[in-house]
């Protein structure tokens, strides 16, 4: 799924009110953290994840999360990344065309 610039802009606006639901800390993307990310994406569709590591590691984690979960990266600011993945059974967020 590829988001248009208009859709990404809409989702960025929605992320301002969100708090990070998952924190990736020193141990990285462990099985427990990956399970929490999967649960959060399935339940919320749009999630904010805090990545506590150096820049190179964060970039790797962001790419891995997007690849592994089929999520679209909405934006990254510092140590916070936002991802979107549509729930095919119960879509919650209405995207503009």
C-alpha atoms as a PDB file:
ATOM      1  CA  UNK A   1       0.000   0.000   0.000  1.00  0.00           C
ATOM      2  CA  UNK A   2       1.399   3.340  -0.999  1.00  0.00           C
ATOM      3  CA  UNK A   3       0.020   6.550   0.449  1.00  0.00           C
ATOM      4  CA  UNK A   4      -0.381   9.693  -1.604  1.00  0.00           C
ATOM      5  CA  UNK A   5       1.179  12.932  -0.315  1.00  0.00           C
ATOM      6  CA  UNK A   6      -2.306  14.178   0.598  1.00  0.00           C
ATOM      7  CA  UNK A   7      -3.023  11.056   2.625  1.00  0.00           C
ATOM      8  CA  UNK A   8       0.335  11.297   4.439  1.00  0.00           C
ATOM      9  CA  UNK A   9      -0.379  14.923   5.274  1.00  0.00           C
ATOM     10  CA  UNK A  10      -3.752  13.939   6.711  1.00  0.00           C
ATOM     11  CA  UNK A  11      -2.178  11.169   8.809  1.00  0.00           C
ATOM     12  CA  UNK A  12       0.613  13.484  10.042  1.00  0.00           C
ATOM     13  CA  UNK A  13      -2.081  15.801  11.356  1.00  0.00           C
ATOM     14  CA  UNK A  14      -3.688  12.927  13.241  1.00  0.00           C
ATOM     15  CA  UNK A  15      -0.383  11.869  14.837  1.00  0.00           C
ATOM     16  CA  UNK A  16       0.054  15.133  16.748  1.00  0.00           C
ATOM     17  CA  UNK A  17      -2.478  14.078  19.378  1.00  0.00           C
ATOM     18  CA  UNK A  18      -1.055  10.553  19.770  1.00  0.00           C
ATOM     19  CA  UNK A  19       1.260   9.360  22.514  1.00  0.00           C
ATOM     20  CA  UNK A  20       3.886   6.671  21.763  1.00  0.00           C
ATOM     21  CA  UNK A  21       2.314   3.252  22.326  1.00  0.00           C
ATOM     22  CA  UNK A  22       5.550   1.259  22.020  1.00  0.00           C
ATOM     23  CA  UNK A  23       9.106   2.113  23.057  1.00  0.00           C
ATOM     24  CA  UNK A  24      12.089   0.393  21.457  1.00  0.00           C
ATOM     25  CA  UNK A  25      14.914   0.671  23.984  1.00  0.00           C
ATOM     26  CA  UNK A  26      18.437  -0.710  24.420  1.00  0.00           C
ATOM     27  CA  UNK A  27      17.610  -4.327  23.566  1.00  0.00           C
ATOM     28  CA  UNK A  28      16.183  -3.342  20.174  1.00  0.00           C
ATOM     29  CA  UNK A  29      13.442  -5.156  18.299  1.00  0.00           C
ATOM     30  CA  UNK A  30      12.930  -8.139  20.585  1.00  0.00           C
ATOM     31  CA  UNK A  31      10.128 -10.650  20.082  1.00  0.00           C
ATOM     32  CA  UNK A  32       8.053  -8.939  22.780  1.00  0.00           C
ATOM     33  CA  UNK A  33       8.471  -5.501  21.198  1.00  0.00           C
ATOM     34  CA  UNK A  34       7.586  -6.883  17.759  1.00  0.00           C
ATOM     35  CA  UNK A  35       4.467  -8.509  19.200  1.00  0.00           C
ATOM     36  CA  UNK A  36       3.415  -5.200  20.785  1.00  0.00           C
ATOM     37  CA  UNK A  37       3.938  -3.345  17.495  1.00  0.00           C
ATOM     38  CA  UNK A  38       1.812  -5.929  15.660  1.00  0.00           C
ATOM     39  CA  UNK A  39      -0.927  -5.616  18.264  1.00  0.00           C
ATOM     40  CA  UNK A  40      -0.837  -1.806  18.183  1.00  0.00           C
ATOM     41  CA  UNK A  41      -0.983  -1.641  14.368  1.00  0.00           C
ATOM     42  CA  UNK A  42      -3.853  -4.124  14.254  1.00  0.00           C
ATOM     43  CA  UNK A  43      -5.827  -2.284  16.887  1.00  0.00           C
ATOM     44  CA  UNK A  44      -5.081   1.394  16.134  1.00  0.00           C
ATOM     45  CA  UNK A  45      -3.915   1.473  12.464  1.00  0.00           C
ATOM     46  CA  UNK A  46      -1.914   4.644  13.169  1.00  0.00           C
ATOM     47  CA  UNK A  47       0.773   4.326  15.840  1.00  0.00           C
ATOM     48  CA  UNK A  48       3.585   6.395  17.254  1.00  0.00           C
ATOM     49  CA  UNK A  49       6.717   4.492  18.296  1.00  0.00           C
ATOM     50  CA  UNK A  50       9.576   5.881  20.385  1.00  0.00           C
ATOM     51  CA  UNK A  51      12.999   4.590  19.321  1.00  0.00           C
ATOM     52  CA  UNK A  52      15.670   5.108  22.005  1.00  0.00           C
ATOM     53  CA  UNK A  53      18.975   4.586  20.171  1.00  0.00           C
ATOM     54  CA  UNK A  54      21.526   6.294  17.941  1.00  0.00           C
ATOM     55  CA  UNK A  55      20.550   7.537  14.477  1.00  0.00           C
ATOM     56  CA  UNK A  56      21.939   4.622  12.450  1.00  0.00           C
ATOM     57  CA  UNK A  57      20.195   2.070  14.644  1.00  0.00           C
ATOM     58  CA  UNK A  58      16.918   4.036  14.508  1.00  0.00           C
ATOM     59  CA  UNK A  59      17.017   4.118  10.700  1.00  0.00           C
ATOM     60  CA  UNK A  60      17.514   0.340  10.658  1.00  0.00           C
ATOM     61  CA  UNK A  61      14.689  -0.246  13.122  1.00  0.00           C
ATOM     62  CA  UNK A  62      12.319   1.998  11.142  1.00  0.00           C
ATOM     63  CA  UNK A  63      13.054   0.135   7.903  1.00  0.00           C
ATOM     64  CA  UNK A  64      12.633  -3.229   9.655  1.00  0.00           C
ATOM     65  CA  UNK A  65       9.288  -2.247  11.185  1.00  0.00           C
ATOM     66  CA  UNK A  66       7.947  -0.993   7.845  1.00  0.00           C
ATOM     67  CA  UNK A  67       9.133  -4.125   6.029  1.00  0.00           C
ATOM     68  CA  UNK A  68       8.108  -6.707   8.607  1.00  0.00           C
ATOM     69  CA  UNK A  69       4.607  -5.369   9.255  1.00  0.00           C
ATOM     70  CA  UNK A  70       3.764  -3.960   5.826  1.00  0.00           C
ATOM     71  CA  UNK A  71       3.300  -0.573   7.467  1.00  0.00           C
ATOM     72  CA  UNK A  72       3.714   2.763   5.753  1.00  0.00           C
ATOM     73  CA  UNK A  73       6.069   5.223   7.443  1.00  0.00           C
ATOM     74  CA  UNK A  74       4.103   8.440   7.903  1.00  0.00           C
ATOM     75  CA  UNK A  75       6.927  10.537   9.329  1.00  0.00           C
ATOM     76  CA  UNK A  76       9.908  10.570  11.675  1.00  0.00           C
ATOM     77  CA  UNK A  77      10.862  13.350  14.064  1.00  0.00           C
ATOM     78  CA  UNK A  78      13.917  12.728  16.217  1.00  0.00           C
ATOM     79  CA  UNK A  79      13.371   9.560  18.227  1.00  0.00           C
ATOM     80  CA  UNK A  80       9.697   9.185  17.290  1.00  0.00           C
ATOM     81  CA  UNK A  81       8.384   7.419  14.194  1.00  0.00           C
ATOM     82  CA  UNK A  82       4.761   7.104  13.079  1.00  0.00           C
ATOM     83  CA  UNK A  83       3.429   4.204  11.046  1.00  0.00           C
ATOM     84  CA  UNK A  84       0.110   3.425   9.363  1.00  0.00           C
ATOM     85  CA  UNK A  85      -1.301   0.056   8.367  1.00  0.00           C
ATOM     86  CA  UNK A  86      -4.927  -0.303   7.294  1.00  0.00           C
ATOM     87  CA  UNK A  87      -6.936  -2.930   9.146  1.00  0.00           C
ATOM     88  CA  UNK A  88      -8.633  -4.860   6.300  1.00  0.00           C
ATOM     89  CA  UNK A  89     -11.450  -6.156   8.511  1.00  0.00           C
ATOM     90  CA  UNK A  90     -12.373  -2.990  10.431  1.00  0.00           C
ATOM     91  CA  UNK A  91     -10.839   0.187   8.927  1.00  0.00           C
ATOM     92  CA  UNK A  92     -10.961   2.964  11.520  1.00  0.00           C
ATOM     93  CA  UNK A  93      -9.302   5.897   9.768  1.00  0.00           C
ATOM     94  CA  UNK A  94     -10.897   7.420   6.687  1.00  0.00           C
ATOM     95  CA  UNK A  95      -8.220   8.541   4.232  1.00  0.00           C
ATOM     96  CA  UNK A  96      -8.803  11.331   1.713  1.00  0.00           C
ATOM     97  CA  UNK A  97      -8.741  10.314  -1.947  1.00  0.00           C
END
